[in-house]
Amino acid sequence: MLIVSDGKDLFVITGAGEVLTPKHDIAAMGSGGNYALAGGRAMMTDGNLTVE
């Protein structure tokens, strides 16, 4: 799988060549992907959160 973006659009390309658009414009993968996805969703939901 591959996450690609041109700064405007975000896509996930699967090993079978399918091009997917992630929900809520957030994509993550790998062993910590679910944690990264949860953090990204929290950042998008609450504008008062910082990266720290």
PDB file of N, CA and C in Angstrom:
ATOM      1  N   MET A   1       0.840  -1.176   0.000  1.00  0.00           N
ATOM      2  CA  MET A   1       0.000   0.000   0.000  1.00  0.00           C
ATOM      3  C   MET A   1       0.884   1.238   0.000  1.00  0.00           C
ATOM      4  N   LEU A   2       0.300   2.307  -0.538  1.00  0.00           N
ATOM      5  CA  LEU A   2       1.040   3.551  -0.685  1.00  0.00           C
ATOM      6  C   LEU A   2       0.079   4.709  -0.455  1.00  0.00           C
ATOM      7  N   ILE A   3       0.492   5.671   0.366  1.00  0.00           N
ATOM      8  CA  ILE A   3      -0.293   6.892   0.571  1.00  0.00           C
ATOM      9  C   ILE A   3       0.334   7.975  -0.292  1.00  0.00           C
ATOM     10  N   VAL A   4      -0.470   8.614  -1.142  1.00  0.00           N
ATOM     11  CA  VAL A   4       0.035   9.667  -2.024  1.00  0.00           C
ATOM     12  C   VAL A   4      -0.828  10.918  -1.895  1.00  0.00           C
ATOM     13  N   SER A   5      -0.192  12.061  -2.079  1.00  0.00           N
ATOM     14  CA  SER A   5      -0.901  13.336  -2.005  1.00  0.00           C
ATOM     15  C   SER A   5      -0.161  14.363  -2.849  1.00  0.00           C
ATOM     16  N   ASP A   6      -0.927  15.282  -3.416  1.00  0.00           N
ATOM     17  CA  ASP A   6      -0.324  16.398  -4.136  1.00  0.00           C
ATOM     18  C   ASP A   6      -0.510  17.703  -3.355  1.00  0.00           C
ATOM     19  N   GLY A   7      -0.889  17.583  -2.087  1.00  0.00           N
ATOM     20  CA  GLY A   7      -1.145  18.748  -1.257  1.00  0.00           C
ATOM     21  C   GLY A   7      -2.601  19.164  -1.275  1.00  0.00           C
ATOM     22  N   LYS A   8      -3.338  18.697  -2.249  1.00  0.00           N
ATOM     23  CA  LYS A   8      -4.759  19.013  -2.361  1.00  0.00           C
ATOM     24  C   LYS A   8      -5.603  17.759  -2.163  1.00  0.00           C
ATOM     25  N   ASP A   9      -5.239  16.686  -2.831  1.00  0.00           N
ATOM     26  CA  ASP A   9      -5.970  15.426  -2.767  1.00  0.00           C
ATOM     27  C   ASP A   9      -5.115  14.363  -2.082  1.00  0.00           C
ATOM     28  N   LEU A  10      -5.783  13.403  -1.431  1.00  0.00           N
ATOM     29  CA  LEU A  10      -5.111  12.329  -0.718  1.00  0.00           C
ATOM     30  C   LEU A  10      -5.690  11.009  -1.191  1.00  0.00           C
ATOM     31  N   PHE A  11      -4.820  10.060  -1.521  1.00  0.00           N
ATOM     32  CA  PHE A  11      -5.253   8.757  -2.009  1.00  0.00           C
ATOM     33  C   PHE A  11      -4.420   7.655  -1.378  1.00  0.00           C
ATOM     34  N   VAL A  12      -5.008   6.467  -1.287  1.00  0.00           N
ATOM     35  CA  VAL A  12      -4.295   5.262  -0.887  1.00  0.00           C
ATOM     36  C   VAL A  12      -4.328   4.327  -2.083  1.00  0.00           C
ATOM     37  N   ILE A  13      -3.158   3.863  -2.509  1.00  0.00           N
ATOM     38  CA  ILE A  13      -3.067   2.922  -3.623  1.00  0.00           C
ATOM     39  C   ILE A  13      -2.737   1.554  -3.046  1.00  0.00           C
ATOM     40  N   THR A  14      -3.575   0.571  -3.339  1.00  0.00           N
ATOM     41  CA  THR A  14      -3.377  -0.772  -2.806  1.00  0.00           C
ATOM     42  C   THR A  14      -2.414  -1.560  -3.683  1.00  0.00           C
ATOM     43  N   GLY A  15      -1.985  -2.711  -3.182  1.00  0.00           N
ATOM     44  CA  GLY A  15      -1.103  -3.584  -3.945  1.00  0.00           C
ATOM     45  C   GLY A  15      -1.752  -4.129  -5.200  1.00  0.00           C
ATOM     46  N   ALA A  16      -3.090  -4.130  -5.238  1.00  0.00           N
ATOM     47  CA  ALA A  16      -3.822  -4.607  -6.413  1.00  0.00           C
ATOM     48  C   ALA A  16      -4.059  -3.487  -7.425  1.00  0.00           C
ATOM     49  N   GLY A  17      -3.594  -2.264  -7.096  1.00  0.00           N
ATOM     50  CA  GLY A  17      -3.744  -1.140  -8.013  1.00  0.00           C
ATOM     51  C   GLY A  17      -5.009  -0.331  -7.832  1.00  0.00           C
ATOM     52  N   GLU A  18      -5.790  -0.635  -6.814  1.00  0.00           N
ATOM     53  CA  GLU A  18      -6.998   0.144  -6.548  1.00  0.00           C
ATOM     54  C   GLU A  18      -6.605   1.491  -5.942  1.00  0.00           C
ATOM     55  N   VAL A  19      -7.301   2.535  -6.329  1.00  0.00           N
ATOM     56  CA  VAL A  19      -7.061   3.869  -5.788  1.00  0.00           C
ATOM     57  C   VAL A  19      -8.246   4.215  -4.884  1.00  0.00           C
ATOM     58  N   LEU A  20      -7.956   4.427  -3.602  1.00  0.00           N
ATOM     59  CA  LEU A  20      -8.993   4.680  -2.613  1.00  0.00           C
ATOM     60  C   LEU A  20      -8.862   6.094  -2.063  1.00  0.00           C
ATOM     61  N   THR A  21      -9.999   6.686  -1.706  1.00  0.00           N
ATOM     62  CA  THR A  21     -10.020   7.983  -1.035  1.00  0.00           C
ATOM     63  C   THR A  21     -10.330   7.722   0.431  1.00  0.00           C
ATOM     64  N   PRO A  22      -9.424   8.080   1.344  1.00  0.00           N
ATOM     65  CA  PRO A  22      -9.656   7.787   2.757  1.00  0.00           C
ATOM     66  C   PRO A  22     -10.781   8.633   3.352  1.00  0.00           C
ATOM     67  N   LYS A  23     -11.448   8.059   4.353  1.00  0.00           N
ATOM     68  CA  LYS A  23     -12.493   8.784   5.068  1.00  0.00           C
ATOM     69  C   LYS A  23     -11.895   9.958   5.824  1.00  0.00           C
ATOM     70  N   HIS A  24     -12.597  11.052   5.859  1.00  0.00           N
ATOM     71  CA  HIS A  24     -12.226  12.244   6.629  1.00  0.00           C
ATOM     72  C   HIS A  24     -10.886  12.832   6.201  1.00  0.00           C
ATOM     73  N   ASP A  25     -10.405  12.491   5.014  1.00  0.00           N
ATOM     74  CA  ASP A  25      -9.137  13.006   4.484  1.00  0.00           C
ATOM     75  C   ASP A  25      -7.952  12.738   5.412  1.00  0.00           C
ATOM     76  N   ILE A  26      -7.964  11.572   6.069  1.00  0.00           N
ATOM     77  CA  ILE A  26      -6.866  11.163   6.938  1.00  0.00           C
ATOM     78  C   ILE A  26      -6.494   9.732   6.568  1.00  0.00           C
ATOM     79  N   ALA A  27      -5.197   9.474   6.382  1.00  0.00           N
ATOM     80  CA  ALA A  27      -4.740   8.130   6.047  1.00  0.00           C
ATOM     81  C   ALA A  27      -3.551   7.769   6.915  1.00  0.00           C
ATOM     82  N   ALA A  28      -3.478   6.495   7.302  1.00  0.00           N
ATOM     83  CA  ALA A  28      -2.352   5.993   8.086  1.00  0.00           C
ATOM     84  C   ALA A  28      -2.206   4.511   7.791  1.00  0.00           C
ATOM     85  N   MET A  29      -0.985   4.004   7.933  1.00  0.00           N
ATOM     86  CA  MET A  29      -0.759   2.574   7.749  1.00  0.00           C
ATOM     87  C   MET A  29       0.450   2.154   8.557  1.00  0.00           C
ATOM     88  N   GLY A  30       0.648   0.882   8.643  1.00  0.00           N
ATOM     89  CA  GLY A  30       1.786   0.346   9.375  1.00  0.00           C
ATOM     90  C   GLY A  30       1.377  -0.149  10.746  1.00  0.00           C
ATOM     91  N   SER A  31       2.370  -0.574  11.529  1.00  0.00           N
ATOM     92  CA  SER A  31       2.086  -1.172  12.832  1.00  0.00           C
ATOM     93  C   SER A  31       1.457  -0.173  13.798  1.00  0.00           C
ATOM     94  N   GLY A  32       1.746   1.103  13.668  1.00  0.00           N
ATOM     95  CA  GLY A  32       1.147   2.131  14.524  1.00  0.00           C
ATOM     96  C   GLY A  32       0.084   2.929  13.810  1.00  0.00           C
ATOM     97  N   GLY A  33      -0.402   2.409  12.695  1.00  0.00           N
ATOM     98  CA  GLY A  33      -1.360   3.138  11.867  1.00  0.00           C
ATOM     99  C   GLY A  33      -2.643   3.509  12.578  1.00  0.00           C
ATOM    100  N   ASN A  34      -3.154   2.597  13.404  1.00  0.00           N
ATOM    101  CA  ASN A  34      -4.408   2.904  14.103  1.00  0.00           C
ATOM    102  C   ASN A  34      -4.226   4.034  15.109  1.00  0.00           C
ATOM    103  N   TYR A  35      -3.053   4.083  15.756  1.00  0.00           N
ATOM    104  CA  TYR A  35      -2.778   5.179  16.696  1.00  0.00           C
ATOM    105  C   TYR A  35      -2.627   6.500  15.942  1.00  0.00           C
ATOM    106  N   ALA A  36      -1.935   6.463  14.825  1.00  0.00           N
ATOM    107  CA  ALA A  36      -1.753   7.670  14.014  1.00  0.00           C
ATOM    108  C   ALA A  36      -3.094   8.158  13.465  1.00  0.00           C
ATOM    109  N   LEU A  37      -3.940   7.222  13.042  1.00  0.00           N
ATOM    110  CA  LEU A  37      -5.261   7.578  12.531  1.00  0.00           C
ATOM    111  C   LEU A  37      -6.118   8.215  13.623  1.00  0.00           C
ATOM    112  N   ALA A  38      -6.087   7.640  14.833  1.00  0.00           N
ATOM    113  CA  ALA A  38      -6.849   8.207  15.949  1.00  0.00           C
ATOM    114  C   ALA A  38      -6.340   9.601  16.299  1.00  0.00           C
ATOM    115  N   GLY A  39      -5.039   9.789  16.297  1.00  0.00           N
ATOM    116  CA  GLY A  39      -4.476  11.106  16.580  1.00  0.00           C
ATOM    117  C   GLY A  39      -4.843  12.117  15.516  1.00  0.00           C
ATOM    118  N   GLY A  40      -4.811  11.706  14.265  1.00  0.00           N
ATOM    119  CA  GLY A  40      -5.187  12.593  13.168  1.00  0.00           C
ATOM    120  C   GLY A  40      -6.646  13.007  13.239  1.00  0.00           C
ATOM    121  N   ARG A  41      -7.511  12.051  13.575  1.00  0.00           N
ATOM    122  CA  ARG A  41      -8.933  12.376  13.710  1.00  0.00           C
ATOM    123  C   ARG A  41      -9.164  13.337  14.867  1.00  0.00           C
ATOM    124  N   ALA A  42      -8.455  13.134  15.963  1.00  0.00           N
ATOM    125  CA  ALA A  42      -8.596  14.040  17.109  1.00  0.00           C
ATOM    126  C   ALA A  42      -8.127  15.444  16.748  1.00  0.00           C
ATOM    127  N   MET A  43      -7.032  15.532  16.008  1.00  0.00           N
ATOM    128  CA  MET A  43      -6.510  16.847  15.588  1.00  0.00           C
ATOM    129  C   MET A  43      -7.492  17.561  14.672  1.00  0.00           C
ATOM    130  N   MET A  44      -8.177  16.815  13.805  1.00  0.00           N
ATOM    131  CA  MET A  44      -9.127  17.424  12.871  1.00  0.00           C
ATOM    132  C   MET A  44     -10.419  17.833  13.591  1.00  0.00           C
ATOM    133  N   THR A  45     -10.783  17.123  14.660  1.00  0.00           N
ATOM    134  CA  THR A  45     -12.031  17.387  15.359  1.00  0.00           C
ATOM    135  C   THR A  45     -11.926  18.568  16.306  1.00  0.00           C
ATOM    136  N   ASP A  46     -10.837  18.637  17.062  1.00  0.00           N
ATOM    137  CA  ASP A  46     -10.667  19.668  18.070  1.00  0.00           C
ATOM    138  C   ASP A  46      -9.540  20.590  17.644  1.00  0.00           C
ATOM    139  N   GLY A  47      -9.854  21.805  17.256  1.00  0.00           N
ATOM    140  CA  GLY A  47      -8.855  22.752  16.766  1.00  0.00           C
ATOM    141  C   GLY A  47      -7.905  23.277  17.824  1.00  0.00           C
ATOM    142  N   ASN A  48      -8.155  22.967  19.102  1.00  0.00           N
ATOM    143  CA  ASN A  48      -7.310  23.466  20.186  1.00  0.00           C
ATOM    144  C   ASN A  48      -6.144  22.545  20.528  1.00  0.00           C
ATOM    145  N   LEU A  49      -6.053  21.381  19.888  1.00  0.00           N
ATOM    146  CA  LEU A  49      -4.971  20.451  20.184  1.00  0.00           C
ATOM    147  C   LEU A  49      -3.700  20.862  19.445  1.00  0.00           C
ATOM    148  N   THR A  50      -2.556  20.580  20.058  1.00  0.00           N
ATOM    149  CA  THR A  50      -1.268  20.822  19.429  1.00  0.00           C
ATOM    150  C   THR A  50      -0.560  19.492  19.207  1.00  0.00           C
ATOM    151  N   VAL A  51       0.486  19.496  18.438  1.00  0.00           N
ATOM    152  CA  VAL A  51       1.237  18.286  18.159  1.00  0.00           C
ATOM    153  C   VAL A  51       1.946  17.803  19.425  1.00  0.00           C
ATOM    154  N   GLU A  52       2.299  18.700  20.291  1.00  0.00           N
ATOM    155  CA  GLU A  52       2.978  18.345  21.538  1.00  0.00           C
ATOM    156  C   GLU A  52       2.018  17.615  22.400  1.00  0.00           C
TER     157      GLU A  52
END
